[in-house]
């Protein structure tokens, strides 16, 4: 199972529009194809944002989703970043990505994560991540076959 970190905007967009790229990522998480890394700050943000009245999500479904993330995901105790990000609210997502050694951070706000400040962490848009995931799956299904060369023995005359 691939371990990733998803920004709150991806989670919300996936729940609001289940047929887009974000929706596919949320389905992959709930279907067990992806595991999420998180810390208390990320869970708190998910909880607070998902409960905003404007989204209209049902309380029981929010609780079930958060319970599932905790049950199936990886809790992390990250170290502080050495450089600040343009939006300080994004800091926990990058810190957790680095600490968990997740494959990547998936966000719709890539501009908030300048490569020079990401310490080598991969930051992908939802559609970039889906392309990456599909390529990884294709490589697992069709590994590069190496031919075995056999040398013909000369015939005795």
Protein backbone atom coordinates (compact mmCIF):
# COMPACT_ATOMS: atom_id res chain seq x y z
CA UNK A 1 0.00 0.00 0.00
CA UNK A 2 1.28 3.43 -0.92
CA UNK A 3 1.61 5.99 1.88
CA UNK A 4 0.80 9.64 1.10
CA UNK A 5 -0.23 12.87 2.80
CA UNK A 6 -3.25 14.75 1.48
CA UNK A 7 -3.96 18.41 2.05
CA UNK A 8 -7.37 19.25 3.47
CA UNK A 9 -8.42 20.86 0.18
CA UNK A 10 -8.04 17.47 -1.57
CA UNK A 11 -10.11 15.69 1.07
CA UNK A 12 -12.92 18.26 0.94
CA UNK A 13 -12.93 18.43 -2.87
CA UNK A 14 -13.01 14.64 -3.06
CA UNK A 15 -16.03 14.45 -0.77
CA UNK A 16 -17.86 17.26 -2.57
CA UNK A 17 -17.14 16.00 -6.09
CA UNK A 18 -16.61 12.24 -5.98
CA UNK A 19 -16.02 11.86 -9.72
CA UNK A 20 -13.00 14.17 -10.09
CA UNK A 21 -9.34 13.45 -9.37
CA UNK A 22 -9.75 14.32 -5.68
CA UNK A 23 -12.78 12.03 -5.46
CA UNK A 24 -10.78 9.17 -6.93
CA UNK A 25 -8.03 9.72 -4.34
CA UNK A 26 -10.57 9.71 -1.48
CA UNK A 27 -12.07 6.46 -2.88
CA UNK A 28 -8.60 4.95 -3.06
CA UNK A 29 -8.02 5.83 0.60
CA UNK A 30 -11.37 4.44 1.72
CA UNK A 31 -10.84 1.36 -0.46
CA UNK A 32 -7.49 0.57 1.14
CA UNK A 33 -5.31 1.29 -1.90
CA UNK A 34 -3.68 4.27 -0.18
CA UNK A 35 -2.65 4.92 3.40
CA UNK A 36 -2.56 8.43 4.86
CA UNK A 37 0.14 9.78 7.15
CA UNK A 38 -1.02 12.43 9.62
CA UNK A 39 -0.38 14.08 12.95
CA UNK A 40 -2.72 15.62 15.53
CA UNK A 41 -2.66 19.00 13.75
CA UNK A 42 -3.74 17.49 10.43
CA UNK A 43 -6.52 15.45 12.03
CA UNK A 44 -7.68 18.55 13.88
CA UNK A 45 -7.79 20.54 10.63
CA UNK A 46 -9.66 17.75 8.81
CA UNK A 47 -12.14 17.61 11.68
CA UNK A 48 -12.69 21.37 11.85
CA UNK A 49 -13.02 21.93 8.10
CA UNK A 50 -15.26 18.92 7.41
CA UNK A 51 -17.67 20.09 10.12
CA UNK A 52 -18.19 23.53 8.57
CA UNK A 53 -21.92 23.98 7.97
CA UNK A 54 -21.44 25.18 4.38
CA UNK A 55 -20.32 21.67 3.31
CA UNK A 56 -23.32 19.91 4.83
CA UNK A 57 -21.46 16.67 5.60
CA UNK A 58 -23.25 14.34 7.98
CA UNK A 59 -21.70 14.15 11.45
CA UNK A 60 -21.69 10.33 11.52
CA UNK A 61 -19.95 10.13 8.15
CA UNK A 62 -17.28 12.63 9.20
CA UNK A 63 -16.63 10.66 12.39
CA UNK A 64 -16.46 7.39 10.45
CA UNK A 65 -14.03 8.84 7.90
CA UNK A 66 -11.74 10.28 10.55
CA UNK A 67 -11.83 7.02 12.52
CA UNK A 68 -10.90 5.14 9.35
CA UNK A 69 -7.99 7.49 8.64
CA UNK A 70 -6.67 6.95 12.17
CA UNK A 71 -7.20 3.17 11.99
CA UNK A 72 -5.68 2.60 8.56
CA UNK A 73 -3.16 5.45 8.43
CA UNK A 74 0.15 6.25 10.06
CA UNK A 75 0.40 8.70 12.94
CA UNK A 76 3.66 10.66 12.84
CA UNK A 77 5.56 12.90 15.24
CA UNK A 78 7.38 15.25 12.84
CA UNK A 79 10.26 17.61 13.41
CA UNK A 80 9.93 21.35 12.67
CA UNK A 81 10.84 22.56 9.18
CA UNK A 82 14.14 24.34 8.72
CA UNK A 83 12.47 26.89 6.38
CA UNK A 84 9.02 28.45 6.63
CA UNK A 85 6.38 28.05 3.92
CA UNK A 86 4.42 30.91 2.34
CA UNK A 87 1.31 29.78 4.25
CA UNK A 88 2.19 28.66 7.81
CA UNK A 89 -1.03 26.59 7.94
CA UNK A 90 0.56 24.24 5.37
CA UNK A 91 3.57 23.47 7.57
CA UNK A 92 2.13 20.33 9.25
CA UNK A 93 1.48 18.71 5.87
CA UNK A 94 5.07 19.07 4.71
CA UNK A 95 6.49 18.14 8.13
CA UNK A 96 4.45 14.93 8.16
CA UNK A 97 5.40 14.13 4.55
CA UNK A 98 9.07 14.38 5.45
CA UNK A 99 8.82 12.54 8.78
CA UNK A 100 6.74 9.65 7.44
CA UNK A 101 8.79 9.33 4.26
CA UNK A 102 5.48 9.31 2.41
CA UNK A 103 5.67 8.97 -1.35
CA UNK A 104 4.32 12.49 -1.75
CA UNK A 105 2.08 15.28 -0.54
CA UNK A 106 -1.03 15.74 -2.68
CA UNK A 107 -2.45 19.28 -2.77
CA UNK A 108 -4.34 21.62 -5.04
CA UNK A 109 -2.14 24.48 -3.74
CA UNK A 110 1.28 23.56 -5.09
CA UNK A 111 2.33 27.22 -5.12
CA UNK A 112 2.22 27.09 -1.29
CA UNK A 113 5.00 24.48 -1.40
CA UNK A 114 7.99 25.95 -3.29
CA UNK A 115 10.43 23.19 -4.23
CA UNK A 116 13.35 25.09 -2.65
CA UNK A 117 11.64 24.85 0.77
CA UNK A 118 10.32 21.28 0.52
CA UNK A 119 13.60 19.54 1.41
CA UNK A 120 13.22 17.03 -1.41
CA UNK A 121 9.61 16.06 -0.69
CA UNK A 122 7.50 15.39 -3.77
CA UNK A 123 4.46 17.69 -3.98
CA UNK A 124 1.90 16.69 -6.61
CA UNK A 125 -1.48 17.90 -7.79
CA UNK A 126 -4.30 15.33 -7.59
CA UNK A 127 -4.13 14.58 -11.33
CA UNK A 128 -0.31 14.32 -11.24
CA UNK A 129 -0.60 11.90 -8.35
CA UNK A 130 -3.15 9.72 -10.17
CA UNK A 131 -0.84 9.52 -13.20
CA UNK A 132 2.07 8.63 -10.92
CA UNK A 133 -0.01 5.97 -9.12
CA UNK A 134 -1.21 4.41 -12.38
CA UNK A 135 2.36 4.26 -13.70
CA UNK A 136 3.51 2.57 -10.49
CA UNK A 137 0.71 -0.01 -10.76
CA UNK A 138 1.52 -0.68 -14.42
CA UNK A 139 5.16 -1.31 -13.54
CA UNK A 140 4.12 -3.83 -10.88
CA UNK A 141 1.87 -5.68 -13.33
CA UNK A 142 4.39 -5.69 -16.16
CA UNK A 143 7.91 -5.82 -14.74
CA UNK A 144 10.72 -5.47 -17.19
CA UNK A 145 11.50 -8.92 -18.50
CA UNK A 146 15.09 -9.78 -18.86
CA UNK A 147 15.95 -12.23 -21.55
CA UNK A 148 18.16 -15.13 -20.72
CA UNK A 149 20.68 -15.70 -23.38
CA UNK A 150 21.76 -19.24 -23.96
CA UNK A 151 24.84 -20.12 -25.81
CA UNK A 152 24.48 -22.89 -28.31
CA UNK A 153 27.03 -25.61 -27.94
CA UNK A 154 28.95 -26.31 -31.09
CA UNK A 155 28.03 -29.61 -32.70
CA UNK A 156 30.54 -32.36 -32.58
CA UNK A 157 31.54 -33.41 -36.06
